[in-house]
Amino acid sequence: MARRMRDGAAAVRWYVRQVMGDDAYATYAAHQRAVHPGCDVITEREFWRRRHAEQDANPGSRCC
């Protein structure tokens, strides 16, 4: 029973992190290292700057 609750909590945590984009940089960095192993990966700070600038320049459909 405790294992099921732990697994359920882990699944909820993963889902919330995906929806909120909390692990977007980690996903980006892993992709860059796997697909482009010889290239440098930008810093997390620069990643978030570029991501927010892109969202501001091209807002698309979002609630706010």
PDB file of N, CA and C in Angstrom:
ATOM      1  N   MET A   1       0.823  -1.196   0.000  1.00  0.00           N
ATOM      2  CA  MET A   1       0.000   0.000   0.000  1.00  0.00           C
ATOM      3  C   MET A   1       0.872   1.266   0.000  1.00  0.00           C
ATOM      4  N   ALA A   2       1.915   1.273   0.829  1.00  0.00           N
ATOM      5  CA  ALA A   2       2.793   2.441   0.899  1.00  0.00           C
ATOM      6  C   ALA A   2       3.508   2.649  -0.435  1.00  0.00           C
ATOM      7  N   ARG A   3       3.890   1.558  -1.074  1.00  0.00           N
ATOM      8  CA  ARG A   3       4.571   1.662  -2.371  1.00  0.00           C
ATOM      9  C   ARG A   3       3.637   2.269  -3.413  1.00  0.00           C
ATOM     10  N   ARG A   4       2.375   1.871  -3.414  1.00  0.00           N
ATOM     11  CA  ARG A   4       1.406   2.431  -4.361  1.00  0.00           C
ATOM     12  C   ARG A   4       1.231   3.928  -4.151  1.00  0.00           C
ATOM     13  N   MET A   5       1.183   4.336  -2.896  1.00  0.00           N
ATOM     14  CA  MET A   5       1.028   5.764  -2.591  1.00  0.00           C
ATOM     15  C   MET A   5       2.266   6.532  -3.049  1.00  0.00           C
ATOM     16  N   ARG A   6       3.449   5.956  -2.805  1.00  0.00           N
ATOM     17  CA  ARG A   6       4.688   6.598  -3.237  1.00  0.00           C
ATOM     18  C   ARG A   6       4.728   6.710  -4.757  1.00  0.00           C
ATOM     19  N   ASP A   7       4.356   5.630  -5.438  1.00  0.00           N
ATOM     20  CA  ASP A   7       4.341   5.648  -6.901  1.00  0.00           C
ATOM     21  C   ASP A   7       3.321   6.661  -7.428  1.00  0.00           C
ATOM     22  N   GLY A   8       2.170   6.711  -6.782  1.00  0.00           N
ATOM     23  CA  GLY A   8       1.145   7.674  -7.184  1.00  0.00           C
ATOM     24  C   GLY A   8       1.612   9.103  -6.989  1.00  0.00           C
ATOM     25  N   ALA A   9       2.255   9.365  -5.853  1.00  0.00           N
ATOM     26  CA  ALA A   9       2.770  10.703  -5.577  1.00  0.00           C
ATOM     27  C   ALA A   9       3.861  11.073  -6.586  1.00  0.00           C
ATOM     28  N   ALA A  10       4.705  10.117  -6.933  1.00  0.00           N
ATOM     29  CA  ALA A  10       5.762  10.375  -7.915  1.00  0.00           C
ATOM     30  C   ALA A  10       5.159  10.690  -9.278  1.00  0.00           C
ATOM     31  N   ALA A  11       4.101   9.988  -9.648  1.00  0.00           N
ATOM     32  CA  ALA A  11       3.449  10.236 -10.933  1.00  0.00           C
ATOM     33  C   ALA A  11       2.815  11.626 -10.959  1.00  0.00           C
ATOM     34  N   VAL A  12       2.175  12.011  -9.882  1.00  0.00           N
ATOM     35  CA  VAL A  12       1.565  13.346  -9.804  1.00  0.00           C
ATOM     36  C   VAL A  12       2.649  14.414  -9.870  1.00  0.00           C
ATOM     37  N   ARG A  13       3.746  14.211  -9.151  1.00  0.00           N
ATOM     38  CA  ARG A  13       4.861  15.165  -9.157  1.00  0.00           C
ATOM     39  C   ARG A  13       5.414  15.308 -10.572  1.00  0.00           C
ATOM     40  N   TRP A  14       5.628  14.194 -11.277  1.00  0.00           N
ATOM     41  CA  TRP A  14       6.136  14.226 -12.640  1.00  0.00           C
ATOM     42  C   TRP A  14       5.180  15.009 -13.545  1.00  0.00           C
ATOM     43  N   TYR A  15       3.896  14.730 -13.421  1.00  0.00           N
ATOM     44  CA  TYR A  15       2.892  15.384 -14.263  1.00  0.00           C
ATOM     45  C   TYR A  15       2.899  16.903 -14.039  1.00  0.00           C
ATOM     46  N   VAL A  16       2.899  17.314 -12.794  1.00  0.00           N
ATOM     47  CA  VAL A  16       2.881  18.747 -12.483  1.00  0.00           C
ATOM     48  C   VAL A  16       4.143  19.418 -13.011  1.00  0.00           C
ATOM     49  N   ARG A  17       5.291  18.771 -12.841  1.00  0.00           N
ATOM     50  CA  ARG A  17       6.541  19.343 -13.348  1.00  0.00           C
ATOM     51  C   ARG A  17       6.512  19.471 -14.870  1.00  0.00           C
ATOM     52  N   GLN A  18       5.919  18.501 -15.558  1.00  0.00           N
ATOM     53  CA  GLN A  18       5.822  18.569 -17.009  1.00  0.00           C
ATOM     54  C   GLN A  18       4.911  19.717 -17.446  1.00  0.00           C
ATOM     55  N   VAL A  19       3.773  19.832 -16.802  1.00  0.00           N
ATOM     56  CA  VAL A  19       2.803  20.881 -17.164  1.00  0.00           C
ATOM     57  C   VAL A  19       3.379  22.262 -16.890  1.00  0.00           C
ATOM     58  N   MET A  20       4.055  22.423 -15.762  1.00  0.00           N
ATOM     59  CA  MET A  20       4.597  23.724 -15.389  1.00  0.00           C
ATOM     60  C   MET A  20       5.913  24.048 -16.106  1.00  0.00           C
ATOM     61  N   GLY A  21       6.544  23.051 -16.698  1.00  0.00           N
ATOM     62  CA  GLY A  21       7.799  23.281 -17.412  1.00  0.00           C
ATOM     63  C   GLY A  21       9.006  23.350 -16.505  1.00  0.00           C
ATOM     64  N   ASP A  22       8.885  22.832 -15.284  1.00  0.00           N
ATOM     65  CA  ASP A  22       9.986  22.908 -14.318  1.00  0.00           C
ATOM     66  C   ASP A  22      11.250  22.203 -14.785  1.00  0.00           C
ATOM     67  N   ASP A  23      11.109  21.144 -15.551  1.00  0.00           N
ATOM     68  CA  ASP A  23      12.292  20.414 -15.991  1.00  0.00           C
ATOM     69  C   ASP A  23      12.596  20.633 -17.472  1.00  0.00           C
ATOM     70  N   ALA A  24      12.166  21.765 -18.001  1.00  0.00           N
ATOM     71  CA  ALA A  24      12.387  22.066 -19.417  1.00  0.00           C
ATOM     72  C   ALA A  24      13.877  22.172 -19.736  1.00  0.00           C
ATOM     73  N   TYR A  25      14.646  22.790 -18.853  1.00  0.00           N
ATOM     74  CA  TYR A  25      16.080  22.919 -19.120  1.00  0.00           C
ATOM     75  C   TYR A  25      16.761  21.560 -19.083  1.00  0.00           C
ATOM     76  N   ALA A  26      16.409  20.734 -18.119  1.00  0.00           N
ATOM     77  CA  ALA A  26      17.011  19.399 -18.028  1.00  0.00           C
ATOM     78  C   ALA A  26      16.694  18.585 -19.281  1.00  0.00           C
ATOM     79  N   THR A  27      15.479  18.699 -19.772  1.00  0.00           N
ATOM     80  CA  THR A  27      15.082  18.004 -20.998  1.00  0.00           C
ATOM     81  C   THR A  27      15.877  18.540 -22.182  1.00  0.00           C
ATOM     82  N   TYR A  28      15.996  19.859 -22.265  1.00  0.00           N
ATOM     83  CA  TYR A  28      16.768  20.494 -23.341  1.00  0.00           C
ATOM     84  C   TYR A  28      18.229  20.046 -23.295  1.00  0.00           C
ATOM     85  N   ALA A  29      18.839  20.105 -22.112  1.00  0.00           N
ATOM     86  CA  ALA A  29      20.252  19.755 -21.977  1.00  0.00           C
ATOM     87  C   ALA A  29      20.493  18.291 -22.336  1.00  0.00           C
ATOM     88  N   ALA A  30      19.625  17.403 -21.891  1.00  0.00           N
ATOM     89  CA  ALA A  30      19.769  15.983 -22.216  1.00  0.00           C
ATOM     90  C   ALA A  30      19.659  15.773 -23.724  1.00  0.00           C
ATOM     91  N   HIS A  31      18.714  16.461 -24.344  1.00  0.00           N
ATOM     92  CA  HIS A  31      18.546  16.348 -25.802  1.00  0.00           C
ATOM     93  C   HIS A  31      19.793  16.854 -26.525  1.00  0.00           C
ATOM     94  N   GLN A  32      20.278  18.022 -26.140  1.00  0.00           N
ATOM     95  CA  GLN A  32      21.449  18.597 -26.792  1.00  0.00           C
ATOM     96  C   GLN A  32      22.660  17.671 -26.674  1.00  0.00           C
ATOM     97  N   ARG A  33      22.864  17.111 -25.488  1.00  0.00           N
ATOM     98  CA  ARG A  33      24.014  16.228 -25.282  1.00  0.00           C
ATOM     99  C   ARG A  33      23.890  14.936 -26.082  1.00  0.00           C
ATOM    100  N   ALA A  34      22.668  14.447 -26.242  1.00  0.00           N
ATOM    101  CA  ALA A  34      22.457  13.201 -26.977  1.00  0.00           C
ATOM    102  C   ALA A  34      22.538  13.403 -28.488  1.00  0.00           C
ATOM    103  N   VAL A  35      21.937  14.481 -28.971  1.00  0.00           N
ATOM    104  CA  VAL A  35      21.837  14.698 -30.416  1.00  0.00           C
ATOM    105  C   VAL A  35      23.043  15.471 -30.972  1.00  0.00           C
ATOM    106  N   HIS A  36      23.591  16.375 -30.168  1.00  0.00           N
ATOM    107  CA  HIS A  36      24.719  17.208 -30.595  1.00  0.00           C
ATOM    108  C   HIS A  36      25.851  17.092 -29.573  1.00  0.00           C
ATOM    109  N   PRO A  37      26.505  15.939 -29.484  1.00  0.00           N
ATOM    110  CA  PRO A  37      27.487  15.709 -28.412  1.00  0.00           C
ATOM    111  C   PRO A  37      28.694  16.639 -28.439  1.00  0.00           C
ATOM    112  N   GLY A  38      29.083  17.164 -29.578  1.00  0.00           N
ATOM    113  CA  GLY A  38      30.257  18.024 -29.644  1.00  0.00           C
ATOM    114  C   GLY A  38      29.977  19.487 -29.355  1.00  0.00           C
ATOM    115  N   CYS A  39      28.714  19.863 -29.299  1.00  0.00           N
ATOM    116  CA  CYS A  39      28.349  21.272 -29.115  1.00  0.00           C
ATOM    117  C   CYS A  39      28.208  21.628 -27.643  1.00  0.00           C
ATOM    118  N   ASP A  40      28.431  22.902 -27.348  1.00  0.00           N
ATOM    119  CA  ASP A  40      28.234  23.387 -25.989  1.00  0.00           C
ATOM    120  C   ASP A  40      26.743  23.547 -25.708  1.00  0.00           C
ATOM    121  N   VAL A  41      26.375  23.332 -24.467  1.00  0.00           N
ATOM    122  CA  VAL A  41      24.995  23.525 -24.022  1.00  0.00           C
ATOM    123  C   VAL A  41      24.941  24.879 -23.330  1.00  0.00           C
ATOM    124  N   ILE A  42      23.950  25.705 -23.704  1.00  0.00           N
ATOM    125  CA  ILE A  42      23.843  27.025 -23.070  1.00  0.00           C
ATOM    126  C   ILE A  42      23.509  26.862 -21.591  1.00  0.00           C
ATOM    127  N   THR A  43      23.776  27.903 -20.832  1.00  0.00           N
ATOM    128  CA  THR A  43      23.501  27.853 -19.396  1.00  0.00           C
ATOM    129  C   THR A  43      22.000  27.853 -19.154  1.00  0.00           C
ATOM    130  N   GLU A  44      21.620  27.441 -17.964  1.00  0.00           N
ATOM    131  CA  GLU A  44      20.201  27.425 -17.623  1.00  0.00           C
ATOM    132  C   GLU A  44      19.624  28.836 -17.662  1.00  0.00           C
ATOM    133  N   ARG A  45      20.394  29.780 -17.180  1.00  0.00           N
ATOM    134  CA  ARG A  45      19.937  31.174 -17.182  1.00  0.00           C
ATOM    135  C   ARG A  45      19.651  31.659 -18.609  1.00  0.00           C
ATOM    136  N   GLU A  46      20.567  31.378 -19.531  1.00  0.00           N
ATOM    137  CA  GLU A  46      20.379  31.779 -20.927  1.00  0.00           C
ATOM    138  C   GLU A  46      19.209  31.033 -21.555  1.00  0.00           C
ATOM    139  N   PHE A  47      19.048  29.761 -21.204  1.00  0.00           N
ATOM    140  CA  PHE A  47      17.918  28.979 -21.719  1.00  0.00           C
ATOM    141  C   PHE A  47      16.605  29.647 -21.357  1.00  0.00           C
ATOM    142  N   TRP A  48      16.447  30.017 -20.078  1.00  0.00           N
ATOM    143  CA  TRP A  48      15.184  30.630 -19.648  1.00  0.00           C
ATOM    144  C   TRP A  48      15.001  32.003 -20.276  1.00  0.00           C
ATOM    145  N   ARG A  49      16.067  32.768 -20.456  1.00  0.00           N
ATOM    146  CA  ARG A  49      15.960  34.069 -21.130  1.00  0.00           C
ATOM    147  C   ARG A  49      15.430  33.897 -22.550  1.00  0.00           C
ATOM    148  N   ARG A  50      16.019  32.956 -23.267  1.00  0.00           N
ATOM    149  CA  ARG A  50      15.593  32.722 -24.649  1.00  0.00           C
ATOM    150  C   ARG A  50      14.164  32.190 -24.705  1.00  0.00           C
ATOM    151  N   ARG A  51      13.845  31.312 -23.786  1.00  0.00           N
ATOM    152  CA  ARG A  51      12.492  30.730 -23.792  1.00  0.00           C
ATOM    153  C   ARG A  51      11.431  31.801 -23.549  1.00  0.00           C
ATOM    154  N   HIS A  52      11.671  32.663 -22.556  1.00  0.00           N
ATOM    155  CA  HIS A  52      10.704  33.727 -22.259  1.00  0.00           C
ATOM    156  C   HIS A  52      10.649  34.763 -23.375  1.00  0.00           C
ATOM    157  N   ALA A  53      11.791  35.075 -23.971  1.00  0.00           N
ATOM    158  CA  ALA A  53      11.806  36.022 -25.091  1.00  0.00           C
ATOM    159  C   ALA A  53      11.003  35.459 -26.262  1.00  0.00           C
ATOM    160  N   GLU A  54      11.158  34.164 -26.531  1.00  0.00           N
ATOM    161  CA  GLU A  54      10.397  33.528 -27.615  1.00  0.00           C
ATOM    162  C   GLU A  54       8.904  33.561 -27.322  1.00  0.00           C
ATOM    163  N   GLN A  55       8.523  33.287 -26.093  1.00  0.00           N
ATOM    164  CA  GLN A  55       7.111  33.302 -25.727  1.00  0.00           C
ATOM    165  C   GLN A  55       6.533  34.713 -25.817  1.00  0.00           C
ATOM    166  N   ASP A  56       7.318  35.711 -25.444  1.00  0.00           N
ATOM    167  CA  ASP A  56       6.845  37.095 -25.547  1.00  0.00           C
ATOM    168  C   ASP A  56       6.708  37.528 -27.011  1.00  0.00           C
ATOM    169  N   ALA A  57       7.651  37.091 -27.845  1.00  0.00           N
ATOM    170  CA  ALA A  57       7.612  37.471 -29.250  1.00  0.00           C
ATOM    171  C   ALA A  57       6.504  36.747 -30.021  1.00  0.00           C
ATOM    172  N   ASN A  58       6.210  35.511 -29.631  1.00  0.00           N
ATOM    173  CA  ASN A  58       5.198  34.700 -30.302  1.00  0.00           C
ATOM    174  C   ASN A  58       4.260  34.088 -29.262  1.00  0.00           C
ATOM    175  N   PRO A  59       3.318  34.867 -28.741  1.00  0.00           N
ATOM    176  CA  PRO A  59       2.500  34.398 -27.634  1.00  0.00           C
ATOM    177  C   PRO A  59       1.598  33.194 -27.955  1.00  0.00           C
ATOM    178  N   GLY A  60       1.170  33.034 -29.170  1.00  0.00           N
ATOM    179  CA  GLY A  60       0.315  31.900 -29.501  1.00  0.00           C
ATOM    180  C   GLY A  60      -0.980  31.930 -28.700  1.00  0.00           C
ATOM    181  N   SER A  61      -1.501  30.777 -28.417  1.00  0.00           N
ATOM    182  CA  SER A  61      -2.745  30.721 -27.641  1.00  0.00           C
ATOM    183  C   SER A  61      -2.449  30.282 -26.223  1.00  0.00           C
ATOM    184  N   ARG A  62      -2.637  31.168 -25.304  1.00  0.00           N
ATOM    185  CA  ARG A  62      -2.468  30.857 -23.892  1.00  0.00           C
ATOM    186  C   ARG A  62      -3.471  31.683 -23.106  1.00  0.00           C
ATOM    187  N   CYS A  63      -3.697  31.284 -21.893  1.00  0.00           N
ATOM    188  CA  CYS A  63      -4.775  31.895 -21.130  1.00  0.00           C
ATOM    189  C   CYS A  63      -4.451  33.303 -20.630  1.00  0.00           C
ATOM    190  N   CYS A  64      -3.170  33.633 -20.417  1.00  0.00           N
ATOM    191  CA  CYS A  64      -2.861  34.940 -19.828  1.00  0.00           C
ATOM    192  C   CYS A  64      -1.777  35.663 -20.588  1.00  0.00           C
TER     193      CYS A  64
END
